[in-house]
Amino acid sequence: LKSLERIIKLMIDYNFPLPSIDPFLKFS
């Protein structure tokens, strides 16, 4: 989760489009 947070922050900082999380919500 910490690695994922770093990726999301980087994507936001550099204006990379974030993917939708909806297709992944069915996984646990």
PDB file of all heavy atoms in Angstrom:
ATOM      1  N   LEU A   1       0.825  -1.205   0.000  1.00  0.00           N
ATOM      2  CA  LEU A   1       0.000   0.000   0.000  1.00  0.00           C
ATOM      3  C   LEU A   1       0.863   1.262   0.000  1.00  0.00           C
ATOM      4  O   LEU A   1       0.533   2.241  -0.677  1.00  0.00           O
ATOM      5  CB  LEU A   1      -0.946  -0.001   1.195  1.00  0.00           C
ATOM      6  CG  LEU A   1      -2.026  -1.093   1.169  1.00  0.00           C
ATOM      7  CD1 LEU A   1      -2.825  -1.088   2.468  1.00  0.00           C
ATOM      8  CD2 LEU A   1      -2.931  -0.931  -0.036  1.00  0.00           C
ATOM      9  N   LYS A   2       1.980   1.234   0.705  1.00  0.00           N
ATOM     10  CA  LYS A   2       2.893   2.388   0.692  1.00  0.00           C
ATOM     11  C   LYS A   2       3.495   2.581  -0.696  1.00  0.00           C
ATOM     12  O   LYS A   2       3.617   3.705  -1.176  1.00  0.00           O
ATOM     13  CB  LYS A   2       3.982   2.218   1.744  1.00  0.00           C
ATOM     14  CG  LYS A   2       3.475   2.403   3.151  1.00  0.00           C
ATOM     15  CD  LYS A   2       4.560   2.234   4.186  1.00  0.00           C
ATOM     16  CE  LYS A   2       3.968   2.416   5.571  1.00  0.00           C
ATOM     17  NZ  LYS A   2       4.942   2.265   6.625  1.00  0.00           N
ATOM     18  N   SER A   3       3.869   1.477  -1.365  1.00  0.00           N
ATOM     19  CA  SER A   3       4.380   1.566  -2.740  1.00  0.00           C
ATOM     20  C   SER A   3       3.315   2.132  -3.663  1.00  0.00           C
ATOM     21  O   SER A   3       3.599   2.986  -4.511  1.00  0.00           O
ATOM     22  CB  SER A   3       4.812   0.187  -3.247  1.00  0.00           C
ATOM     23  OG  SER A   3       5.935  -0.286  -2.566  1.00  0.00           O
ATOM     24  N   LEU A   4       2.081   1.676  -3.486  1.00  0.00           N
ATOM     25  CA  LEU A   4       0.984   2.162  -4.312  1.00  0.00           C
ATOM     26  C   LEU A   4       0.735   3.654  -4.075  1.00  0.00           C
ATOM     27  O   LEU A   4       0.516   4.410  -5.022  1.00  0.00           O
ATOM     28  CB  LEU A   4      -0.284   1.349  -4.029  1.00  0.00           C
ATOM     29  CG  LEU A   4      -1.499   1.688  -4.875  1.00  0.00           C
ATOM     30  CD1 LEU A   4      -1.204   1.513  -6.358  1.00  0.00           C
ATOM     31  CD2 LEU A   4      -2.682   0.821  -4.449  1.00  0.00           C
ATOM     32  N   GLU A   5       0.811   4.088  -2.834  1.00  0.00           N
ATOM     33  CA  GLU A   5       0.648   5.514  -2.528  1.00  0.00           C
ATOM     34  C   GLU A   5       1.716   6.353  -3.226  1.00  0.00           C
ATOM     35  O   GLU A   5       1.424   7.427  -3.760  1.00  0.00           O
ATOM     36  CB  GLU A   5       0.695   5.758  -1.021  1.00  0.00           C
ATOM     37  CG  GLU A   5      -0.547   5.318  -0.287  1.00  0.00           C
ATOM     38  CD  GLU A   5      -0.418   5.449   1.226  1.00  0.00           C
ATOM     39  OE1 GLU A   5       0.690   5.694   1.749  1.00  0.00           O
ATOM     40  OE2 GLU A   5      -1.456   5.320   1.896  1.00  0.00           O
ATOM     41  N   ARG A   6       2.964   5.867  -3.247  1.00  0.00           N
ATOM     42  CA  ARG A   6       4.043   6.596  -3.933  1.00  0.00           C
ATOM     43  C   ARG A   6       3.771   6.695  -5.438  1.00  0.00           C
ATOM     44  O   ARG A   6       3.999   7.732  -6.065  1.00  0.00           O
ATOM     45  CB  ARG A   6       5.392   5.936  -3.671  1.00  0.00           C
ATOM     46  CG  ARG A   6       5.943   6.198  -2.281  1.00  0.00           C
ATOM     47  CD  ARG A   6       7.386   5.744  -2.126  1.00  0.00           C
ATOM     48  NE  ARG A   6       7.567   4.311  -2.239  1.00  0.00           N
ATOM     49  CZ  ARG A   6       7.439   3.445  -1.241  1.00  0.00           C
ATOM     50  NH1 ARG A   6       7.153   3.872  -0.029  1.00  0.00           N
ATOM     51  NH2 ARG A   6       7.623   2.158  -1.437  1.00  0.00           N
ATOM     52  N   ILE A   7       3.269   5.604  -6.024  1.00  0.00           N
ATOM     53  CA  ILE A   7       2.953   5.603  -7.456  1.00  0.00           C
ATOM     54  C   ILE A   7       1.828   6.597  -7.748  1.00  0.00           C
ATOM     55  O   ILE A   7       1.914   7.381  -8.695  1.00  0.00           O
ATOM     56  CB  ILE A   7       2.570   4.182  -7.928  1.00  0.00           C
ATOM     57  CG1 ILE A   7       3.786   3.255  -7.882  1.00  0.00           C
ATOM     58  CG2 ILE A   7       1.964   4.228  -9.328  1.00  0.00           C
ATOM     59  CD1 ILE A   7       3.439   1.786  -8.082  1.00  0.00           C
ATOM     60  N   ILE A   8       0.783   6.571  -6.942  1.00  0.00           N
ATOM     61  CA  ILE A   8      -0.351   7.485  -7.146  1.00  0.00           C
ATOM     62  C   ILE A   8       0.109   8.933  -7.023  1.00  0.00           C
ATOM     63  O   ILE A   8      -0.246   9.777  -7.855  1.00  0.00           O
ATOM     64  CB  ILE A   8      -1.496   7.176  -6.159  1.00  0.00           C
ATOM     65  CG1 ILE A   8      -2.116   5.812  -6.498  1.00  0.00           C
ATOM     66  CG2 ILE A   8      -2.535   8.286  -6.157  1.00  0.00           C
ATOM     67  CD1 ILE A   8      -3.075   5.280  -5.453  1.00  0.00           C
ATOM     68  N   LYS A   9       0.917   9.225  -6.019  1.00  0.00           N
ATOM     69  CA  LYS A   9       1.423  10.599  -5.847  1.00  0.00           C
ATOM     70  C   LYS A   9       2.248  11.019  -7.059  1.00  0.00           C
ATOM     71  O   LYS A   9       2.091  12.123  -7.576  1.00  0.00           O
ATOM     72  CB  LYS A   9       2.254  10.711  -4.571  1.00  0.00           C
ATOM     73  CG  LYS A   9       2.774  12.121  -4.326  1.00  0.00           C
ATOM     74  CD  LYS A   9       3.566  12.235  -3.055  1.00  0.00           C
ATOM     75  CE  LYS A   9       4.103  13.599  -2.767  1.00  0.00           C
ATOM     76  NZ  LYS A   9       4.271  14.547  -3.807  1.00  0.00           N
ATOM     77  N   LEU A  10       3.114  10.143  -7.519  1.00  0.00           N
ATOM     78  CA  LEU A  10       3.923  10.449  -8.692  1.00  0.00           C
ATOM     79  C   LEU A  10       3.038  10.702  -9.907  1.00  0.00           C
ATOM     80  O   LEU A  10       3.259  11.653 -10.668  1.00  0.00           O
ATOM     81  CB  LEU A  10       4.907   9.314  -8.974  1.00  0.00           C
ATOM     82  CG  LEU A  10       5.867   9.576 -10.121  1.00  0.00           C
ATOM     83  CD1 LEU A  10       7.280   9.231  -9.691  1.00  0.00           C
ATOM     84  CD2 LEU A  10       5.493   8.787 -11.342  1.00  0.00           C
ATOM     85  N   MET A  11       2.019   9.865 -10.101  1.00  0.00           N
ATOM     86  CA  MET A  11       1.124  10.030 -11.242  1.00  0.00           C
ATOM     87  C   MET A  11       0.384  11.361 -11.173  1.00  0.00           C
ATOM     88  O   MET A  11       0.232  12.046 -12.189  1.00  0.00           O
ATOM     89  CB  MET A  11       0.151   8.852 -11.330  1.00  0.00           C
ATOM     90  CG  MET A  11       0.825   7.548 -11.707  1.00  0.00           C
ATOM     91  SD  MET A  11      -0.319   6.147 -11.782  1.00  0.00           S
ATOM     92  CE  MET A  11      -1.139   6.507 -13.335  1.00  0.00           C
ATOM     93  N   ILE A  12      -0.059  11.732  -9.994  1.00  0.00           N
ATOM     94  CA  ILE A  12      -0.743  13.020  -9.824  1.00  0.00           C
ATOM     95  C   ILE A  12       0.228  14.164 -10.067  1.00  0.00           C
ATOM     96  O   ILE A  12      -0.088  15.116 -10.791  1.00  0.00           O
ATOM     97  CB  ILE A  12      -1.391  13.104  -8.424  1.00  0.00           C
ATOM     98  CG1 ILE A  12      -2.572  12.125  -8.343  1.00  0.00           C
ATOM     99  CG2 ILE A  12      -1.833  14.533  -8.112  1.00  0.00           C
ATOM    100  CD1 ILE A  12      -3.128  11.931  -6.946  1.00  0.00           C
ATOM    101  N   ASP A  13       1.422  14.086  -9.480  1.00  0.00           N
ATOM    102  CA  ASP A  13       2.426  15.151  -9.635  1.00  0.00           C
ATOM    103  C   ASP A  13       2.791  15.390 -11.097  1.00  0.00           C
ATOM    104  O   ASP A  13       3.074  16.516 -11.501  1.00  0.00           O
ATOM    105  CB  ASP A  13       3.696  14.832  -8.844  1.00  0.00           C
ATOM    106  CG  ASP A  13       3.505  14.942  -7.341  1.00  0.00           C
ATOM    107  OD1 ASP A  13       2.459  15.463  -6.895  1.00  0.00           O
ATOM    108  OD2 ASP A  13       4.406  14.483  -6.594  1.00  0.00           O
ATOM    109  N   TYR A  14       2.829  14.318 -11.908  1.00  0.00           N
ATOM    110  CA  TYR A  14       3.241  14.435 -13.306  1.00  0.00           C
ATOM    111  C   TYR A  14       2.066  14.358 -14.283  1.00  0.00           C
ATOM    112  O   TYR A  14       2.260  14.182 -15.484  1.00  0.00           O
ATOM    113  CB  TYR A  14       4.289  13.371 -13.643  1.00  0.00           C
ATOM    114  CG  TYR A  14       5.630  13.690 -13.033  1.00  0.00           C
ATOM    115  CD1 TYR A  14       6.010  13.157 -11.809  1.00  0.00           C
ATOM    116  CD2 TYR A  14       6.509  14.557 -13.674  1.00  0.00           C
ATOM    117  CE1 TYR A  14       7.233  13.468 -11.237  1.00  0.00           C
ATOM    118  CE2 TYR A  14       7.730  14.870 -13.118  1.00  0.00           C
ATOM    119  CZ  TYR A  14       8.077  14.327 -11.898  1.00  0.00           C
ATOM    120  OH  TYR A  14       9.296  14.640 -11.338  1.00  0.00           O
ATOM    121  N   ASN A  15       0.863  14.488 -13.755  1.00  0.00           N
ATOM    122  CA  ASN A  15      -0.352  14.504 -14.584  1.00  0.00           C
ATOM    123  C   ASN A  15      -0.541  13.256 -15.439  1.00  0.00           C
ATOM    124  O   ASN A  15      -1.047  13.336 -16.556  1.00  0.00           O
ATOM    125  CB  ASN A  15      -0.391  15.762 -15.467  1.00  0.00           C
ATOM    126  CG  ASN A  15      -0.494  17.018 -14.646  1.00  0.00           C
ATOM    127  OD1 ASN A  15      -1.283  17.089 -13.703  1.00  0.00           O
ATOM    128  ND2 ASN A  15       0.321  18.007 -14.978  1.00  0.00           N
ATOM    129  N   PHE A  16      -0.105  12.106 -14.931  1.00  0.00           N
ATOM    130  CA  PHE A  16      -0.420  10.847 -15.601  1.00  0.00           C
ATOM    131  C   PHE A  16      -1.868  10.497 -15.247  1.00  0.00           C
ATOM    132  O   PHE A  16      -2.273  10.671 -14.090  1.00  0.00           O
ATOM    133  CB  PHE A  16       0.490   9.706 -15.122  1.00  0.00           C
ATOM    134  CG  PHE A  16       1.916   9.820 -15.557  1.00  0.00           C
ATOM    135  CD1 PHE A  16       2.942   9.797 -14.620  1.00  0.00           C
ATOM    136  CD2 PHE A  16       2.258   9.922 -16.892  1.00  0.00           C
ATOM    137  CE1 PHE A  16       4.272   9.883 -15.006  1.00  0.00           C
ATOM    138  CE2 PHE A  16       3.583  10.006 -17.295  1.00  0.00           C
ATOM    139  CZ  PHE A  16       4.585   9.990 -16.344  1.00  0.00           C
ATOM    140  N   PRO A  17      -2.649   9.993 -16.192  1.00  0.00           N
ATOM    141  CA  PRO A  17      -4.042   9.642 -15.864  1.00  0.00           C
ATOM    142  C   PRO A  17      -4.096   8.431 -14.926  1.00  0.00           C
ATOM    143  O   PRO A  17      -3.409   7.439 -15.151  1.00  0.00           O
ATOM    144  CB  PRO A  17      -4.669   9.322 -17.220  1.00  0.00           C
ATOM    145  CG  PRO A  17      -3.520   8.978 -18.102  1.00  0.00           C
ATOM    146  CD  PRO A  17      -2.324   9.737 -17.587  1.00  0.00           C
ATOM    147  N   LEU A  18      -4.875   8.545 -13.880  1.00  0.00           N
ATOM    148  CA  LEU A  18      -5.061   7.437 -12.948  1.00  0.00           C
ATOM    149  C   LEU A  18      -6.099   6.471 -13.511  1.00  0.00           C
ATOM    150  O   LEU A  18      -7.124   6.905 -14.044  1.00  0.00           O
ATOM    151  CB  LEU A  18      -5.525   7.945 -11.590  1.00  0.00           C
ATOM    152  CG  LEU A  18      -4.519   8.768 -10.804  1.00  0.00           C
ATOM    153  CD1 LEU A  18      -5.180   9.412  -9.592  1.00  0.00           C
ATOM    154  CD2 LEU A  18      -3.355   7.912 -10.367  1.00  0.00           C
ATOM    155  N   PRO A  19      -5.864   5.182 -13.391  1.00  0.00           N
ATOM    156  CA  PRO A  19      -6.857   4.218 -13.877  1.00  0.00           C
ATOM    157  C   PRO A  19      -8.049   4.172 -12.930  1.00  0.00           C
ATOM    158  O   PRO A  19      -7.946   4.522 -11.754  1.00  0.00           O
ATOM    159  CB  PRO A  19      -6.090   2.893 -13.858  1.00  0.00           C
ATOM    160  CG  PRO A  19      -5.059   3.075 -12.805  1.00  0.00           C
ATOM    161  CD  PRO A  19      -4.680   4.538 -12.836  1.00  0.00           C
ATOM    162  N   SER A  20      -9.161   3.725 -13.437  1.00  0.00           N
ATOM    163  CA  SER A  20     -10.336   3.516 -12.610  1.00  0.00           C
ATOM    164  C   SER A  20     -10.093   2.308 -11.716  1.00  0.00           C
ATOM    165  O   SER A  20      -9.560   1.287 -12.165  1.00  0.00           O
ATOM    166  CB  SER A  20     -11.558   3.253 -13.488  1.00  0.00           C
ATOM    167  OG  SER A  20     -12.648   2.822 -12.699  1.00  0.00           O
ATOM    168  N   ILE A  21     -10.494   2.403 -10.468  1.00  0.00           N
ATOM    169  CA  ILE A  21     -10.335   1.258  -9.562  1.00  0.00           C
ATOM    170  C   ILE A  21     -11.530   0.311  -9.636  1.00  0.00           C
ATOM    171  O   ILE A  21     -11.469  -0.799  -9.127  1.00  0.00           O
ATOM    172  CB  ILE A  21     -10.113   1.700  -8.096  1.00  0.00           C
ATOM    173  CG1 ILE A  21     -11.329   2.434  -7.541  1.00  0.00           C
ATOM    174  CG2 ILE A  21      -8.867   2.536  -7.971  1.00  0.00           C
ATOM    175  CD1 ILE A  21     -11.334   2.566  -6.037  1.00  0.00           C
ATOM    176  N   ASP A  22     -12.613   0.728 -10.287  1.00  0.00           N
ATOM    177  CA  ASP A  22     -13.835  -0.072 -10.318  1.00  0.00           C
ATOM    178  C   ASP A  22     -13.629  -1.518 -10.758  1.00  0.00           C
ATOM    179  O   ASP A  22     -14.159  -2.428 -10.123  1.00  0.00           O
ATOM    180  CB  ASP A  22     -14.899   0.605 -11.184  1.00  0.00           C
ATOM    181  CG  ASP A  22     -15.377   1.917 -10.573  1.00  0.00           C
ATOM    182  OD1 ASP A  22     -15.236   2.097  -9.338  1.00  0.00           O
ATOM    183  OD2 ASP A  22     -15.877   2.777 -11.327  1.00  0.00           O
ATOM    184  N   PRO A  23     -12.851  -1.796 -11.823  1.00  0.00           N
ATOM    185  CA  PRO A  23     -12.686  -3.203 -12.229  1.00  0.00           C
ATOM    186  C   PRO A  23     -11.975  -4.065 -11.182  1.00  0.00           C
ATOM    187  O   PRO A  23     -12.062  -5.284 -11.220  1.00  0.00           O
ATOM    188  CB  PRO A  23     -11.839  -3.123 -13.503  1.00  0.00           C
ATOM    189  CG  PRO A  23     -11.960  -1.724 -13.986  1.00  0.00           C
ATOM    190  CD  PRO A  23     -12.196  -0.893 -12.763  1.00  0.00           C
ATOM    191  N   PHE A  24     -11.295  -3.429 -10.241  1.00  0.00           N
ATOM    192  CA  PHE A  24     -10.506  -4.172  -9.263  1.00  0.00           C
ATOM    193  C   PHE A  24     -11.245  -4.399  -7.940  1.00  0.00           C
ATOM    194  O   PHE A  24     -10.783  -5.151  -7.097  1.00  0.00           O
ATOM    195  CB  PHE A  24      -9.189  -3.439  -8.984  1.00  0.00           C
ATOM    196  CG  PHE A  24      -8.354  -3.253 -10.219  1.00  0.00           C
ATOM    197  CD1 PHE A  24      -8.448  -2.088 -10.962  1.00  0.00           C
ATOM    198  CD2 PHE A  24      -7.505  -4.247 -10.655  1.00  0.00           C
ATOM    199  CE1 PHE A  24      -7.695  -1.918 -12.112  1.00  0.00           C
ATOM    200  CE2 PHE A  24      -6.742  -4.087 -11.800  1.00  0.00           C
ATOM    201  CZ  PHE A  24      -6.847  -2.919 -12.537  1.00  0.00           C
ATOM    202  N   LEU A  25     -12.375  -3.736  -7.755  1.00  0.00           N
ATOM    203  CA  LEU A  25     -13.086  -3.812  -6.482  1.00  0.00           C
ATOM    204  C   LEU A  25     -13.604  -5.202  -6.157  1.00  0.00           C
ATOM    205  O   LEU A  25     -13.836  -5.518  -4.994  1.00  0.00           O
ATOM    206  CB  LEU A  25     -14.236  -2.793  -6.455  1.00  0.00           C
ATOM    207  CG  LEU A  25     -13.798  -1.332  -6.473  1.00  0.00           C
ATOM    208  CD1 LEU A  25     -15.029  -0.415  -6.545  1.00  0.00           C
ATOM    209  CD2 LEU A  25     -12.936  -0.996  -5.268  1.00  0.00           C
ATOM    210  N   LYS A  26     -13.739  -6.048  -7.159  1.00  0.00           N
ATOM    211  CA  LYS A  26     -14.246  -7.403  -6.914  1.00  0.00           C
ATOM    212  C   LYS A  26     -13.176  -8.338  -6.340  1.00  0.00           C
ATOM    213  O   LYS A  26     -13.464  -9.434  -5.921  1.00  0.00           O
ATOM    214  CB  LYS A  26     -14.841  -7.994  -8.182  1.00  0.00           C
ATOM    215  CG  LYS A  26     -13.851  -8.225  -9.297  1.00  0.00           C
ATOM    216  CD  LYS A  26     -14.552  -8.753 -10.529  1.00  0.00           C
ATOM    217  CE  LYS A  26     -13.565  -8.922 -11.666  1.00  0.00           C
ATOM    218  NZ  LYS A  26     -14.213  -9.387 -12.878  1.00  0.00           N
ATOM    219  N   PHE A  27     -11.911  -7.897  -6.326  1.00  0.00           N
ATOM    220  CA  PHE A  27     -10.830  -8.723  -5.820  1.00  0.00           C
ATOM    221  C   PHE A  27     -10.580  -8.429  -4.342  1.00  0.00           C
ATOM    222  O   PHE A  27     -10.763  -7.305  -3.886  1.00  0.00           O
ATOM    223  CB  PHE A  27      -9.546  -8.478  -6.628  1.00  0.00           C
ATOM    224  CG  PHE A  27      -9.713  -8.784  -8.095  1.00  0.00           C
ATOM    225  CD1 PHE A  27      -9.842  -7.756  -9.016  1.00  0.00           C
ATOM    226  CD2 PHE A  27      -9.773 -10.085  -8.538  1.00  0.00           C
ATOM    227  CE1 PHE A  27     -10.011  -8.022 -10.358  1.00  0.00           C
ATOM    228  CE2 PHE A  27      -9.943 -10.370  -9.890  1.00  0.00           C
ATOM    229  CZ  PHE A  27     -10.072  -9.341 -10.798  1.00  0.00           C
ATOM    230  N   SER A  28     -10.128  -9.428  -3.604  1.00  0.00           N
ATOM    231  CA  SER A  28      -9.953  -9.290  -2.166  1.00  0.00           C
ATOM    232  C   SER A  28      -8.568  -9.763  -1.720  1.00  0.00           C
ATOM    233  O   SER A  28      -8.012 -10.706  -2.287  1.00  0.00           O
ATOM    234  CB  SER A  28     -11.019 -10.127  -1.443  1.00  0.00           C
ATOM    235  OG  SER A  28     -10.728 -10.225  -0.063  1.00  0.00           O
TER     236      SER A  28
END
